[in-house]
Amino acid sequence: FTISRDNTKNTVSLQMNSLEVDDTAVYYC
């Protein structure tokens, strides 16, 4: 996983690669 943010837009993103069954969840910002 890679997290990134843009302070000018007040956004945060999470790029999730090579996902596994155990990654199944509700994701909260």
PDB file of all heavy atoms in Angstrom:
ATOM      1  N   PHE A   1       0.842  -1.198   0.000  1.00  0.00           N
ATOM      2  CA  PHE A   1       0.000   0.000   0.000  1.00  0.00           C
ATOM      3  C   PHE A   1       0.875   1.245   0.000  1.00  0.00           C
ATOM      4  O   PHE A   1       1.965   1.258   0.592  1.00  0.00           O
ATOM      5  CB  PHE A   1      -0.886   0.029   1.241  1.00  0.00           C
ATOM      6  CG  PHE A   1      -1.957  -1.018   1.305  1.00  0.00           C
ATOM      7  CD1 PHE A   1      -1.998  -2.085   0.417  1.00  0.00           C
ATOM      8  CD2 PHE A   1      -2.947  -0.946   2.269  1.00  0.00           C
ATOM      9  CE1 PHE A   1      -2.989  -3.052   0.482  1.00  0.00           C
ATOM     10  CE2 PHE A   1      -3.943  -1.893   2.359  1.00  0.00           C
ATOM     11  CZ  PHE A   1      -3.955  -2.950   1.473  1.00  0.00           C
ATOM     12  N   THR A   2       0.370   2.294  -0.634  1.00  0.00           N
ATOM     13  CA  THR A   2       1.060   3.575  -0.648  1.00  0.00           C
ATOM     14  C   THR A   2       0.074   4.687  -0.322  1.00  0.00           C
ATOM     15  O   THR A   2      -0.961   4.808  -0.987  1.00  0.00           O
ATOM     16  CB  THR A   2       1.708   3.850  -2.000  1.00  0.00           C
ATOM     17  OG1 THR A   2       2.617   2.789  -2.327  1.00  0.00           O
ATOM     18  CG2 THR A   2       2.474   5.166  -1.970  1.00  0.00           C
ATOM     19  N   ILE A   3       0.411   5.487   0.680  1.00  0.00           N
ATOM     20  CA  ILE A   3      -0.434   6.614   1.047  1.00  0.00           C
ATOM     21  C   ILE A   3       0.176   7.898   0.488  1.00  0.00           C
ATOM     22  O   ILE A   3       1.400   8.046   0.440  1.00  0.00           O
ATOM     23  CB  ILE A   3      -0.612   6.704   2.579  1.00  0.00           C
ATOM     24  CG1 ILE A   3      -1.716   7.695   2.935  1.00  0.00           C
ATOM     25  CG2 ILE A   3       0.701   7.042   3.277  1.00  0.00           C
ATOM     26  CD1 ILE A   3      -2.128   7.649   4.401  1.00  0.00           C
ATOM     27  N   SER A   4      -0.687   8.806   0.073  1.00  0.00           N
ATOM     28  CA  SER A   4      -0.223  10.089  -0.438  1.00  0.00           C
ATOM     29  C   SER A   4      -1.262  11.154  -0.083  1.00  0.00           C
ATOM     30  O   SER A   4      -2.430  10.836   0.163  1.00  0.00           O
ATOM     31  CB  SER A   4      -0.014  10.030  -1.950  1.00  0.00           C
ATOM     32  OG  SER A   4      -1.216   9.690  -2.613  1.00  0.00           O
ATOM     33  N   ARG A   5      -0.816  12.391  -0.062  1.00  0.00           N
ATOM     34  CA  ARG A   5      -1.742  13.471   0.224  1.00  0.00           C
ATOM     35  C   ARG A   5      -1.390  14.692  -0.599  1.00  0.00           C
ATOM     36  O   ARG A   5      -0.236  14.872  -1.018  1.00  0.00           O
ATOM     37  CB  ARG A   5      -1.770  13.822   1.713  1.00  0.00           C
ATOM     38  CG  ARG A   5      -0.494  14.434   2.264  1.00  0.00           C
ATOM     39  CD  ARG A   5      -0.587  14.637   3.770  1.00  0.00           C
ATOM     40  NE  ARG A   5      -1.415  15.784   4.128  1.00  0.00           N
ATOM     41  CZ  ARG A   5      -1.731  16.123   5.368  1.00  0.00           C
ATOM     42  NH1 ARG A   5      -1.323  15.362   6.383  1.00  0.00           N
ATOM     43  NH2 ARG A   5      -2.462  17.201   5.619  1.00  0.00           N
ATOM     44  N   ASP A   6      -2.394  15.514  -0.833  1.00  0.00           N
ATOM     45  CA  ASP A   6      -2.231  16.777  -1.540  1.00  0.00           C
ATOM     46  C   ASP A   6      -2.708  17.874  -0.599  1.00  0.00           C
ATOM     47  O   ASP A   6      -3.913  18.023  -0.373  1.00  0.00           O
ATOM     48  CB  ASP A   6      -3.059  16.754  -2.825  1.00  0.00           C
ATOM     49  CG  ASP A   6      -2.857  18.001  -3.673  1.00  0.00           C
ATOM     50  OD1 ASP A   6      -2.512  19.060  -3.102  1.00  0.00           O
ATOM     51  OD2 ASP A   6      -3.065  17.918  -4.893  1.00  0.00           O
ATOM     52  N   ASN A   7      -1.779  18.616  -0.034  1.00  0.00           N
ATOM     53  CA  ASN A   7      -2.129  19.645   0.949  1.00  0.00           C
ATOM     54  C   ASN A   7      -2.885  20.814   0.318  1.00  0.00           C
ATOM     55  O   ASN A   7      -3.625  21.506   1.009  1.00  0.00           O
ATOM     56  CB  ASN A   7      -0.880  20.153   1.650  1.00  0.00           C
ATOM     57  CG  ASN A   7      -0.247  19.095   2.533  1.00  0.00           C
ATOM     58  OD1 ASN A   7      -0.928  18.243   3.089  1.00  0.00           O
ATOM     59  ND2 ASN A   7       1.072  19.139   2.648  1.00  0.00           N
ATOM     60  N   THR A   8      -2.705  21.031  -0.958  1.00  0.00           N
ATOM     61  CA  THR A   8      -3.409  22.139  -1.620  1.00  0.00           C
ATOM     62  C   THR A   8      -4.894  21.815  -1.795  1.00  0.00           C
ATOM     63  O   THR A   8      -5.725  22.716  -1.865  1.00  0.00           O
ATOM     64  CB  THR A   8      -2.791  22.455  -2.979  1.00  0.00           C
ATOM     65  OG1 THR A   8      -2.962  21.342  -3.859  1.00  0.00           O
ATOM     66  CG2 THR A   8      -1.300  22.762  -2.843  1.00  0.00           C
ATOM     67  N   LYS A   9      -5.208  20.547  -1.874  1.00  0.00           N
ATOM     68  CA  LYS A   9      -6.597  20.120  -2.072  1.00  0.00           C
ATOM     69  C   LYS A   9      -7.183  19.468  -0.832  1.00  0.00           C
ATOM     70  O   LYS A   9      -8.367  19.110  -0.814  1.00  0.00           O
ATOM     71  CB  LYS A   9      -6.692  19.148  -3.247  1.00  0.00           C
ATOM     72  CG  LYS A   9      -6.259  19.736  -4.578  1.00  0.00           C
ATOM     73  CD  LYS A   9      -6.375  18.718  -5.690  1.00  0.00           C
ATOM     74  CE  LYS A   9      -5.942  19.306  -7.017  1.00  0.00           C
ATOM     75  NZ  LYS A   9      -6.009  18.315  -8.125  1.00  0.00           N
ATOM     76  N   ASN A  10      -6.363  19.290   0.206  1.00  0.00           N
ATOM     77  CA  ASN A  10      -6.801  18.601   1.430  1.00  0.00           C
ATOM     78  C   ASN A  10      -7.356  17.209   1.132  1.00  0.00           C
ATOM     79  O   ASN A  10      -8.449  16.846   1.578  1.00  0.00           O
ATOM     80  CB  ASN A  10      -7.844  19.434   2.183  1.00  0.00           C
ATOM     81  CG  ASN A  10      -7.248  20.680   2.788  1.00  0.00           C
ATOM     82  OD1 ASN A  10      -6.087  20.694   3.195  1.00  0.00           O
ATOM     83  ND2 ASN A  10      -8.031  21.749   2.840  1.00  0.00           N
ATOM     84  N   THR A  11      -6.603  16.468   0.346  1.00  0.00           N
ATOM     85  CA  THR A  11      -7.007  15.110   0.015  1.00  0.00           C
ATOM     86  C   THR A  11      -5.922  14.120   0.439  1.00  0.00           C
ATOM     87  O   THR A  11      -4.742  14.456   0.508  1.00  0.00           O
ATOM     88  CB  THR A  11      -7.274  14.934  -1.477  1.00  0.00           C
ATOM     89  OG1 THR A  11      -6.090  15.270  -2.212  1.00  0.00           O
ATOM     90  CG2 THR A  11      -8.411  15.828  -1.948  1.00  0.00           C
ATOM     91  N   VAL A  12      -6.365  12.907   0.708  1.00  0.00           N
ATOM     92  CA  VAL A  12      -5.446  11.809   1.008  1.00  0.00           C
ATOM     93  C   VAL A  12      -5.922  10.593   0.238  1.00  0.00           C
ATOM     94  O   VAL A  12      -7.129  10.352   0.120  1.00  0.00           O
ATOM     95  CB  VAL A  12      -5.370  11.526   2.517  1.00  0.00           C
ATOM     96  CG1 VAL A  12      -6.719  11.126   3.098  1.00  0.00           C
ATOM     97  CG2 VAL A  12      -4.302  10.482   2.822  1.00  0.00           C
ATOM     98  N   SER A  13      -4.977   9.855  -0.307  1.00  0.00           N
ATOM     99  CA  SER A  13      -5.307   8.688  -1.114  1.00  0.00           C
ATOM    100  C   SER A  13      -4.533   7.473  -0.619  1.00  0.00           C
ATOM    101  O   SER A  13      -3.469   7.606  -0.008  1.00  0.00           O
ATOM    102  CB  SER A  13      -4.975   8.936  -2.582  1.00  0.00           C
ATOM    103  OG  SER A  13      -5.746  10.002  -3.099  1.00  0.00           O
ATOM    104  N   LEU A  14      -5.087   6.318  -0.910  1.00  0.00           N
ATOM    105  CA  LEU A  14      -4.429   5.062  -0.541  1.00  0.00           C
ATOM    106  C   LEU A  14      -4.460   4.152  -1.758  1.00  0.00           C
ATOM    107  O   LEU A  14      -5.536   3.711  -2.173  1.00  0.00           O
ATOM    108  CB  LEU A  14      -5.137   4.405   0.640  1.00  0.00           C
ATOM    109  CG  LEU A  14      -4.469   3.145   1.196  1.00  0.00           C
ATOM    110  CD1 LEU A  14      -3.150   3.507   1.884  1.00  0.00           C
ATOM    111  CD2 LEU A  14      -5.399   2.431   2.178  1.00  0.00           C
ATOM    112  N   GLN A  15      -3.298   3.890  -2.307  1.00  0.00           N
ATOM    113  CA  GLN A  15      -3.172   2.946  -3.415  1.00  0.00           C
ATOM    114  C   GLN A  15      -2.871   1.579  -2.827  1.00  0.00           C
ATOM    115  O   GLN A  15      -1.858   1.406  -2.136  1.00  0.00           O
ATOM    116  CB  GLN A  15      -2.060   3.373  -4.368  1.00  0.00           C
ATOM    117  CG  GLN A  15      -1.842   2.414  -5.526  1.00  0.00           C
ATOM    118  CD  GLN A  15      -3.019   2.361  -6.465  1.00  0.00           C
ATOM    119  OE1 GLN A  15      -3.615   3.376  -6.801  1.00  0.00           O
ATOM    120  NE2 GLN A  15      -3.364   1.154  -6.913  1.00  0.00           N
ATOM    121  N   MET A  16      -3.744   0.622  -3.095  1.00  0.00           N
ATOM    122  CA  MET A  16      -3.609  -0.715  -2.522  1.00  0.00           C
ATOM    123  C   MET A  16      -3.345  -1.708  -3.639  1.00  0.00           C
ATOM    124  O   MET A  16      -4.207  -1.912  -4.503  1.00  0.00           O
ATOM    125  CB  MET A  16      -4.883  -1.084  -1.749  1.00  0.00           C
ATOM    126  CG  MET A  16      -5.274  -0.070  -0.689  1.00  0.00           C
ATOM    127  SD  MET A  16      -6.653  -0.583   0.346  1.00  0.00           S
ATOM    128  CE  MET A  16      -7.999  -0.512  -0.846  1.00  0.00           C
ATOM    129  N   ASN A  17      -2.179  -2.303  -3.631  1.00  0.00           N
ATOM    130  CA  ASN A  17      -1.776  -3.284  -4.626  1.00  0.00           C
ATOM    131  C   ASN A  17      -1.590  -4.657  -3.983  1.00  0.00           C
ATOM    132  O   ASN A  17      -1.499  -4.769  -2.765  1.00  0.00           O
ATOM    133  CB  ASN A  17      -0.484  -2.845  -5.306  1.00  0.00           C
ATOM    134  CG  ASN A  17      -0.613  -1.544  -6.049  1.00  0.00           C
ATOM    135  OD1 ASN A  17      -1.685  -1.200  -6.569  1.00  0.00           O
ATOM    136  ND2 ASN A  17       0.476  -0.791  -6.101  1.00  0.00           N
ATOM    137  N   SER A  18      -1.526  -5.663  -4.814  1.00  0.00           N
ATOM    138  CA  SER A  18      -1.321  -7.042  -4.338  1.00  0.00           C
ATOM    139  C   SER A  18      -2.281  -7.383  -3.203  1.00  0.00           C
ATOM    140  O   SER A  18      -1.896  -7.909  -2.153  1.00  0.00           O
ATOM    141  CB  SER A  18       0.130  -7.233  -3.871  1.00  0.00           C
ATOM    142  OG  SER A  18       1.043  -6.955  -4.915  1.00  0.00           O
ATOM    143  N   LEU A  19      -3.530  -7.070  -3.421  1.00  0.00           N
ATOM    144  CA  LEU A  19      -4.522  -7.243  -2.365  1.00  0.00           C
ATOM    145  C   LEU A  19      -4.732  -8.715  -2.025  1.00  0.00           C
ATOM    146  O   LEU A  19      -4.665  -9.599  -2.896  1.00  0.00           O
ATOM    147  CB  LEU A  19      -5.839  -6.594  -2.773  1.00  0.00           C
ATOM    148  CG  LEU A  19      -5.830  -5.066  -2.640  1.00  0.00           C
ATOM    149  CD1 LEU A  19      -6.945  -4.440  -3.458  1.00  0.00           C
ATOM    150  CD2 LEU A  19      -5.951  -4.671  -1.173  1.00  0.00           C
ATOM    151  N   GLU A  20      -4.990  -8.931  -0.743  1.00  0.00           N
ATOM    152  CA  GLU A  20      -5.211 -10.273  -0.210  1.00  0.00           C
ATOM    153  C   GLU A  20      -6.615 -10.343   0.397  1.00  0.00           C
ATOM    154  O   GLU A  20      -7.206  -9.309   0.738  1.00  0.00           O
ATOM    155  CB  GLU A  20      -4.160 -10.582   0.858  1.00  0.00           C
ATOM    156  CG  GLU A  20      -2.731 -10.448   0.371  1.00  0.00           C
ATOM    157  CD  GLU A  20      -1.713 -10.460   1.503  1.00  0.00           C
ATOM    158  OE1 GLU A  20      -2.124 -10.474   2.685  1.00  0.00           O
ATOM    159  OE2 GLU A  20      -0.491 -10.458   1.204  1.00  0.00           O
ATOM    160  N   VAL A  21      -7.099 -11.555   0.550  1.00  0.00           N
ATOM    161  CA  VAL A  21      -8.436 -11.736   1.122  1.00  0.00           C
ATOM    162  C   VAL A  21      -8.522 -11.070   2.499  1.00  0.00           C
ATOM    163  O   VAL A  21      -9.548 -10.478   2.848  1.00  0.00           O
ATOM    164  CB  VAL A  21      -8.777 -13.235   1.220  1.00  0.00           C
ATOM    165  CG1 VAL A  21     -10.068 -13.445   2.001  1.00  0.00           C
ATOM    166  CG2 VAL A  21      -8.888 -13.848  -0.170  1.00  0.00           C
ATOM    167  N   ASP A  22      -7.436 -11.124   3.260  1.00  0.00           N
ATOM    168  CA  ASP A  22      -7.427 -10.529   4.601  1.00  0.00           C
ATOM    169  C   ASP A  22      -7.477  -9.002   4.588  1.00  0.00           C
ATOM    170  O   ASP A  22      -7.614  -8.394   5.646  1.00  0.00           O
ATOM    171  CB  ASP A  22      -6.181 -10.982   5.367  1.00  0.00           C
ATOM    172  CG  ASP A  22      -6.291 -12.428   5.838  1.00  0.00           C
ATOM    173  OD1 ASP A  22      -7.410 -12.984   5.775  1.00  0.00           O
ATOM    174  OD2 ASP A  22      -5.266 -12.993   6.254  1.00  0.00           O
ATOM    175  N   ASP A  23      -7.370  -8.391   3.436  1.00  0.00           N
ATOM    176  CA  ASP A  23      -7.505  -6.937   3.330  1.00  0.00           C
ATOM    177  C   ASP A  23      -8.973  -6.513   3.257  1.00  0.00           C
ATOM    178  O   ASP A  23      -9.265  -5.319   3.277  1.00  0.00           O
ATOM    179  CB  ASP A  23      -6.774  -6.420   2.090  1.00  0.00           C
ATOM    180  CG  ASP A  23      -5.260  -6.603   2.190  1.00  0.00           C
ATOM    181  OD1 ASP A  23      -4.703  -6.332   3.265  1.00  0.00           O
ATOM    182  OD2 ASP A  23      -4.656  -7.005   1.169  1.00  0.00           O
ATOM    183  N   THR A  24      -9.855  -7.469   3.158  1.00  0.00           N
ATOM    184  CA  THR A  24     -11.282  -7.154   3.119  1.00  0.00           C
ATOM    185  C   THR A  24     -11.713  -6.467   4.410  1.00  0.00           C
ATOM    186  O   THR A  24     -11.497  -6.980   5.510  1.00  0.00           O
ATOM    187  CB  THR A  24     -12.113  -8.432   2.927  1.00  0.00           C
ATOM    188  OG1 THR A  24     -11.803  -8.997   1.652  1.00  0.00           O
ATOM    189  CG2 THR A  24     -13.600  -8.132   3.005  1.00  0.00           C
ATOM    190  N   ALA A  25     -12.296  -5.280   4.265  1.00  0.00           N
ATOM    191  CA  ALA A  25     -12.680  -4.491   5.432  1.00  0.00           C
ATOM    192  C   ALA A  25     -13.424  -3.244   4.985  1.00  0.00           C
ATOM    193  O   ALA A  25     -13.444  -2.917   3.795  1.00  0.00           O
ATOM    194  CB  ALA A  25     -11.437  -4.086   6.230  1.00  0.00           C
ATOM    195  N   VAL A  26     -13.995  -2.572   5.960  1.00  0.00           N
ATOM    196  CA  VAL A  26     -14.473  -1.208   5.727  1.00  0.00           C
ATOM    197  C   VAL A  26     -13.300  -0.282   6.026  1.00  0.00           C
ATOM    198  O   VAL A  26     -12.697  -0.367   7.104  1.00  0.00           O
ATOM    199  CB  VAL A  26     -15.677  -0.865   6.614  1.00  0.00           C
ATOM    200  CG1 VAL A  26     -16.100   0.585   6.389  1.00  0.00           C
ATOM    201  CG2 VAL A  26     -16.840  -1.805   6.318  1.00  0.00           C
ATOM    202  N   TYR A  27     -12.980   0.571   5.090  1.00  0.00           N
ATOM    203  CA  TYR A  27     -11.851   1.481   5.213  1.00  0.00           C
ATOM    204  C   TYR A  27     -12.369   2.873   5.574  1.00  0.00           C
ATOM    205  O   TYR A  27     -13.271   3.404   4.910  1.00  0.00           O
ATOM    206  CB  TYR A  27     -11.056   1.520   3.911  1.00  0.00           C
ATOM    207  CG  TYR A  27     -10.230   0.271   3.722  1.00  0.00           C
ATOM    208  CD1 TYR A  27     -10.814  -0.920   3.308  1.00  0.00           C
ATOM    209  CD2 TYR A  27      -8.861   0.270   3.968  1.00  0.00           C
ATOM    210  CE1 TYR A  27     -10.064  -2.079   3.153  1.00  0.00           C
ATOM    211  CE2 TYR A  27      -8.088  -0.874   3.804  1.00  0.00           C
ATOM    212  CZ  TYR A  27      -8.703  -2.044   3.401  1.00  0.00           C
ATOM    213  OH  TYR A  27      -7.950  -3.194   3.250  1.00  0.00           O
ATOM    214  N   TYR A  28     -11.762   3.455   6.605  1.00  0.00           N
ATOM    215  CA  TYR A  28     -12.180   4.755   7.111  1.00  0.00           C
ATOM    216  C   TYR A  28     -11.080   5.787   6.940  1.00  0.00           C
ATOM    217  O   TYR A  28      -9.929   5.563   7.336  1.00  0.00           O
ATOM    218  CB  TYR A  28     -12.530   4.662   8.598  1.00  0.00           C
ATOM    219  CG  TYR A  28     -13.714   3.792   8.913  1.00  0.00           C
ATOM    220  CD1 TYR A  28     -13.555   2.439   9.188  1.00  0.00           C
ATOM    221  CD2 TYR A  28     -15.006   4.327   8.924  1.00  0.00           C
ATOM    222  CE1 TYR A  28     -14.651   1.634   9.480  1.00  0.00           C
ATOM    223  CE2 TYR A  28     -16.100   3.526   9.215  1.00  0.00           C
ATOM    224  CZ  TYR A  28     -15.912   2.183   9.484  1.00  0.00           C
ATOM    225  OH  TYR A  28     -16.991   1.396   9.767  1.00  0.00           O
ATOM    226  N   CYS A  29     -11.440   6.903   6.378  1.00  0.00           N
ATOM    227  CA  CYS A  29     -10.540   8.045   6.309  1.00  0.00           C
ATOM    228  C   CYS A  29     -10.494   8.697   7.680  1.00  0.00           C
ATOM    229  O   CYS A  29     -11.516   8.755   8.395  1.00  0.00           O
ATOM    230  CB  CYS A  29     -11.046   9.022   5.261  1.00  0.00           C
ATOM    231  SG  CYS A  29      -9.981  10.457   5.011  1.00  0.00           S
TER     232      CYS A  29
END
